[in-house]
Structure formats: structure tokens, C-alpha cells
Protein backbone atom coordinates (compact mmCIF):
# COMPACT_ATOMS: atom_id res chain seq x y z
CA MET A 1 -16.71 40.36 4.16
CA PRO A 2 -13.09 39.30 4.00
CA GLY A 3 -13.86 35.93 2.37
CA LEU A 4 -15.25 37.60 -0.73
CA LYS A 5 -12.06 39.39 -1.75
CA PRO A 6 -10.24 36.32 -3.13
CA TYR A 7 -13.35 35.27 -5.07
CA ALA A 8 -13.86 38.77 -6.46
CA ALA A 9 -10.23 38.95 -7.62
CA LEU A 10 -10.49 35.51 -9.26
CA LEU A 11 -13.74 36.38 -11.01
CA LEU A 12 -12.42 39.69 -12.26
CA ALA A 13 -9.27 38.00 -13.56
CA LEU A 14 -11.37 35.36 -15.31
CA VAL A 15 -13.64 37.89 -16.94
CA ALA A 16 -10.75 40.16 -17.88
CA THR A 17 -9.55 37.39 -20.17
CA ALA A 18 -12.86 37.59 -22.01
CA ALA A 19 -12.23 40.93 -23.69
CA SER A 20 -15.91 41.42 -24.45
CA ALA A 21 -16.99 41.70 -20.78
CA ARG A 22 -17.99 45.33 -20.31
CA ASP A 23 -20.12 45.91 -17.24
CA SER A 24 -20.03 44.21 -13.85
CA LEU A 25 -23.49 43.58 -12.46
CA GLY A 26 -22.10 42.36 -9.13
CA VAL A 27 -20.14 39.66 -7.34
CA PHE A 28 -22.14 37.28 -5.16
CA GLU A 29 -20.08 34.88 -3.04
CA GLY A 30 -18.05 32.94 -5.64
CA TRP A 31 -20.19 33.98 -8.63
CA GLY A 32 -20.09 37.15 -10.71
CA ALA A 33 -22.65 38.65 -13.08
CA PHE A 34 -21.65 40.65 -16.16
CA ARG A 35 -23.13 42.33 -19.24
CA ASP A 36 -21.58 42.59 -22.70
CA ASP A 37 -22.75 45.03 -25.35
CA ARG A 38 -21.36 43.28 -28.43
CA PRO A 39 -22.91 40.83 -28.82
CA PRO A 40 -25.60 41.77 -26.33
CA ARG A 41 -25.60 39.19 -23.54
CA CYS A 42 -25.49 38.85 -19.77
CA PHE A 43 -24.04 35.98 -17.79
CA ALA A 44 -23.33 34.59 -14.34
CA ILE A 45 -19.91 32.93 -14.07
CA ALA A 46 -17.68 31.12 -11.58
CA GLN A 47 -14.36 29.31 -11.48
CA PRO A 48 -14.00 25.77 -10.12
CA LEU A 49 -12.85 25.26 -6.54
CA ARG A 50 -9.56 23.69 -7.61
CA ARG A 51 -7.14 25.61 -9.80
CA SER A 52 -6.31 24.16 -13.18
CA SER A 53 -2.95 23.82 -14.87
CA ALA A 54 -4.60 24.09 -18.30
CA ALA A 55 -3.61 26.83 -20.73
CA TRP A 56 -7.23 28.02 -20.58
CA LYS A 57 -9.30 29.06 -17.56
CA PRO A 58 -12.13 26.65 -16.72
CA PHE A 59 -15.51 28.10 -15.73
CA ALA A 60 -19.23 27.48 -15.41
CA SER A 61 -21.61 30.10 -16.77
CA ILE A 62 -25.30 30.73 -17.32
CA ALA A 63 -26.00 33.20 -20.14
CA PHE A 64 -28.89 35.31 -21.43
CA TRP A 65 -28.94 36.44 -25.10
CA PRO A 66 -31.76 39.03 -25.43
CA THR A 67 -31.55 39.53 -29.20
CA ILE A 68 -32.36 35.86 -29.85
CA GLY A 69 -34.57 35.31 -26.81
CA ALA A 70 -32.27 32.71 -25.24
CA ARG A 71 -32.16 32.38 -21.46
CA ASN A 72 -30.44 30.20 -18.86
CA GLN A 73 -27.89 28.77 -21.31
CA LEU A 74 -25.27 26.66 -19.56
CA HIS A 75 -21.66 26.73 -20.77
CA ILE A 76 -18.89 24.78 -19.06
CA ARG A 77 -15.21 25.22 -19.91
CA LEU A 78 -13.57 22.01 -18.71
CA SER A 79 -10.32 22.00 -16.74
CA HIS A 80 -8.90 19.19 -18.90
CA GLU A 81 -9.13 18.28 -22.54
CA ARG A 82 -11.81 15.63 -22.83
CA GLY A 83 -10.97 12.17 -24.14
CA GLN A 84 -12.49 11.17 -27.45
CA ASP A 85 -16.11 10.05 -26.95
CA ALA A 86 -15.84 10.52 -23.17
CA PRO A 87 -19.21 11.49 -21.69
CA VAL A 88 -19.51 14.69 -19.65
CA VAL A 89 -21.93 14.53 -16.71
CA LEU A 90 -23.03 17.45 -14.56
CA SER A 91 -24.35 16.57 -11.11
CA ILE A 92 -26.04 18.62 -8.40
CA GLY A 93 -27.03 16.59 -5.37
CA ASP A 94 -28.76 13.47 -6.68
CA ARG A 95 -29.62 15.05 -10.08
CA ARG A 96 -27.50 14.01 -13.08
CA PHE A 97 -27.43 15.67 -16.51
CA ALA A 98 -25.64 14.37 -19.60
CA LEU A 99 -23.99 17.27 -21.45
CA VAL A 100 -23.03 17.71 -25.09
CA ALA A 101 -19.29 18.32 -25.30
CA GLY A 102 -16.52 19.50 -27.54
CA ARG A 103 -12.81 19.20 -26.82
CA VAL A 104 -12.82 21.51 -23.75
CA ASP A 105 -16.39 22.88 -23.61
CA ALA A 106 -19.76 21.39 -22.67
CA TRP A 107 -23.39 22.52 -22.89
CA ALA A 108 -26.85 21.26 -22.06
CA PRO A 109 -28.41 19.42 -25.02
CA ASP A 110 -31.52 21.64 -25.08
CA ALA A 111 -33.36 24.53 -23.42
CA ARG A 112 -35.40 22.19 -21.23
CA THR A 113 -32.21 20.71 -19.73
CA ASP A 114 -30.76 24.23 -19.28
CA ALA A 115 -33.87 25.17 -17.26
CA ALA A 116 -33.66 21.98 -15.16
CA ILE A 117 -29.98 22.60 -14.41
CA VAL A 118 -30.63 26.20 -13.34
CA ALA A 119 -33.52 25.05 -11.12
CA ALA A 120 -31.23 22.46 -9.49
CA MET A 121 -28.51 25.11 -9.06
CA ARG A 122 -30.90 27.30 -7.07
CA ASN A 123 -31.33 24.58 -4.42
CA GLY A 124 -27.98 22.78 -4.59
CA GLY A 125 -24.76 23.19 -2.66
CA THR A 126 -22.19 22.01 -5.19
CA LEU A 127 -22.17 21.55 -8.95
CA ARG A 128 -19.80 18.87 -10.26
CA VAL A 129 -18.77 18.21 -13.85
CA THR A 130 -17.10 14.84 -14.45
CA SER A 131 -15.47 13.32 -17.52
CA ARG A 132 -12.45 11.35 -18.66
CA GLY A 133 -9.46 13.33 -19.87
CA LYS A 134 -7.43 12.87 -23.02
CA ASN A 135 -4.85 11.01 -20.91
CA GLY A 136 -7.48 8.43 -19.90
CA GLY A 137 -7.87 9.50 -16.25
CA SER A 138 -11.15 10.83 -14.93
CA PHE A 139 -11.49 14.37 -13.59
CA THR A 140 -14.10 16.40 -11.75
CA ASP A 141 -14.53 20.16 -11.69
CA SER A 142 -16.49 21.33 -8.63
CA TYR A 143 -18.24 24.67 -8.11
CA ARG A 144 -19.83 26.04 -4.94
CA LEU A 145 -23.34 27.19 -5.71
CA ARG A 146 -23.56 29.74 -2.94
CA GLY A 147 -24.31 33.05 -4.69
CA ALA A 148 -25.16 31.38 -8.03
CA ALA A 149 -28.91 32.08 -7.86
CA THR A 150 -28.32 35.75 -7.08
CA ALA A 151 -25.76 36.08 -9.88
CA ILE A 152 -28.12 34.36 -12.34
CA ASP A 153 -30.94 36.70 -11.30
CA ALA A 154 -28.65 39.74 -11.68
CA ALA A 155 -27.68 38.59 -15.19
CA ALA A 156 -31.34 38.03 -16.11
CA LEU A 157 -32.26 41.50 -14.87
CA GLY A 158 -29.23 43.04 -16.58
CA CYS A 159 -30.44 41.81 -19.96
CA GLY A 160 -34.15 42.06 -19.18
CA ARG A 161 -34.00 45.84 -19.35
CA ARG A 162 -32.30 45.81 -22.76
CA ARG A 163 -34.21 46.47 -25.95
CA ARG A 164 -34.51 43.56 -28.31
């Protein structure tokens, strides 16, 4: 599958920057699944379609933390620094979710929203995260969802076999 090589290289480069990533659970289309030992967690992760000029690498991830019983936790690293009080909205098809955000990161406000986002990801084609940047202009980070469900399942299985 020649189209997978660029995605695999990008995902491996992204995860290499997170020094804690230990074990690859697989690369599925544009999404990868990984397991860390310290702290114990598994996650599915992807980079946005458009490259960012930010000093950090933007991503979307869904994590599982077996020691605290947390599952399907969304984490978005934005491609731009968010403007003060600018809302961050995640959209998949006609579904919209308001996220809680810091300067460059965003999360679902609760476990119920995490679960709804993951359910929408399983049936959607593109995930979009929109906000207004520090400079006042709006921005959108887009992610293809092809392979996301498989990567999320691989991450869930990767941590499901771990002792709590």
C-alpha cells in the first residue's frame, strides 16, 4: 500500500517527539496506535491534513488510562495558539461539540462527550477543530477519520490486557 508510507513516517515522527511512546500497536491509514508503560496508557493518534508552522506538532488523540479506568479521552493539540476566550468547536459531519481549551490544547468537557465524539468518529469521514487564533483570524485543523476506529480499537485492546 504505497499511500500508507507517508502517513506511517509522519505518525512515527510525531510519536518520536513524545519520548514516552514505547510500543507501536499498528498504523491504520492515517492513524497510529501506541502503548506507553510509564504512565501506563494507550492511544490512537493522527496529525492534521495540513502541516503547521507552529513550534509544536498538532495532533488529535484518543487515550485509554487503565490504572484510573479512563477510556476514550480526547486530546487535541491545536495548530495555532488560541485567542483569549475563543471557543474551540469539534465537528464531525453535522455533529458539533464544544471543547474545553487551554492555550494550545483542547479536551472534551466530560466522559459522556468523549464517548459521543468517539461514536461520531467511527461513522464520520472528517474531524474538524475550529477556533480563533491569538492573531484574531480563525483556523481549522482537519483530520481524515479513515483508520481511526481501527486505531482506537487497537489502543483499547492494547491497554485492555494490562493489569490494573
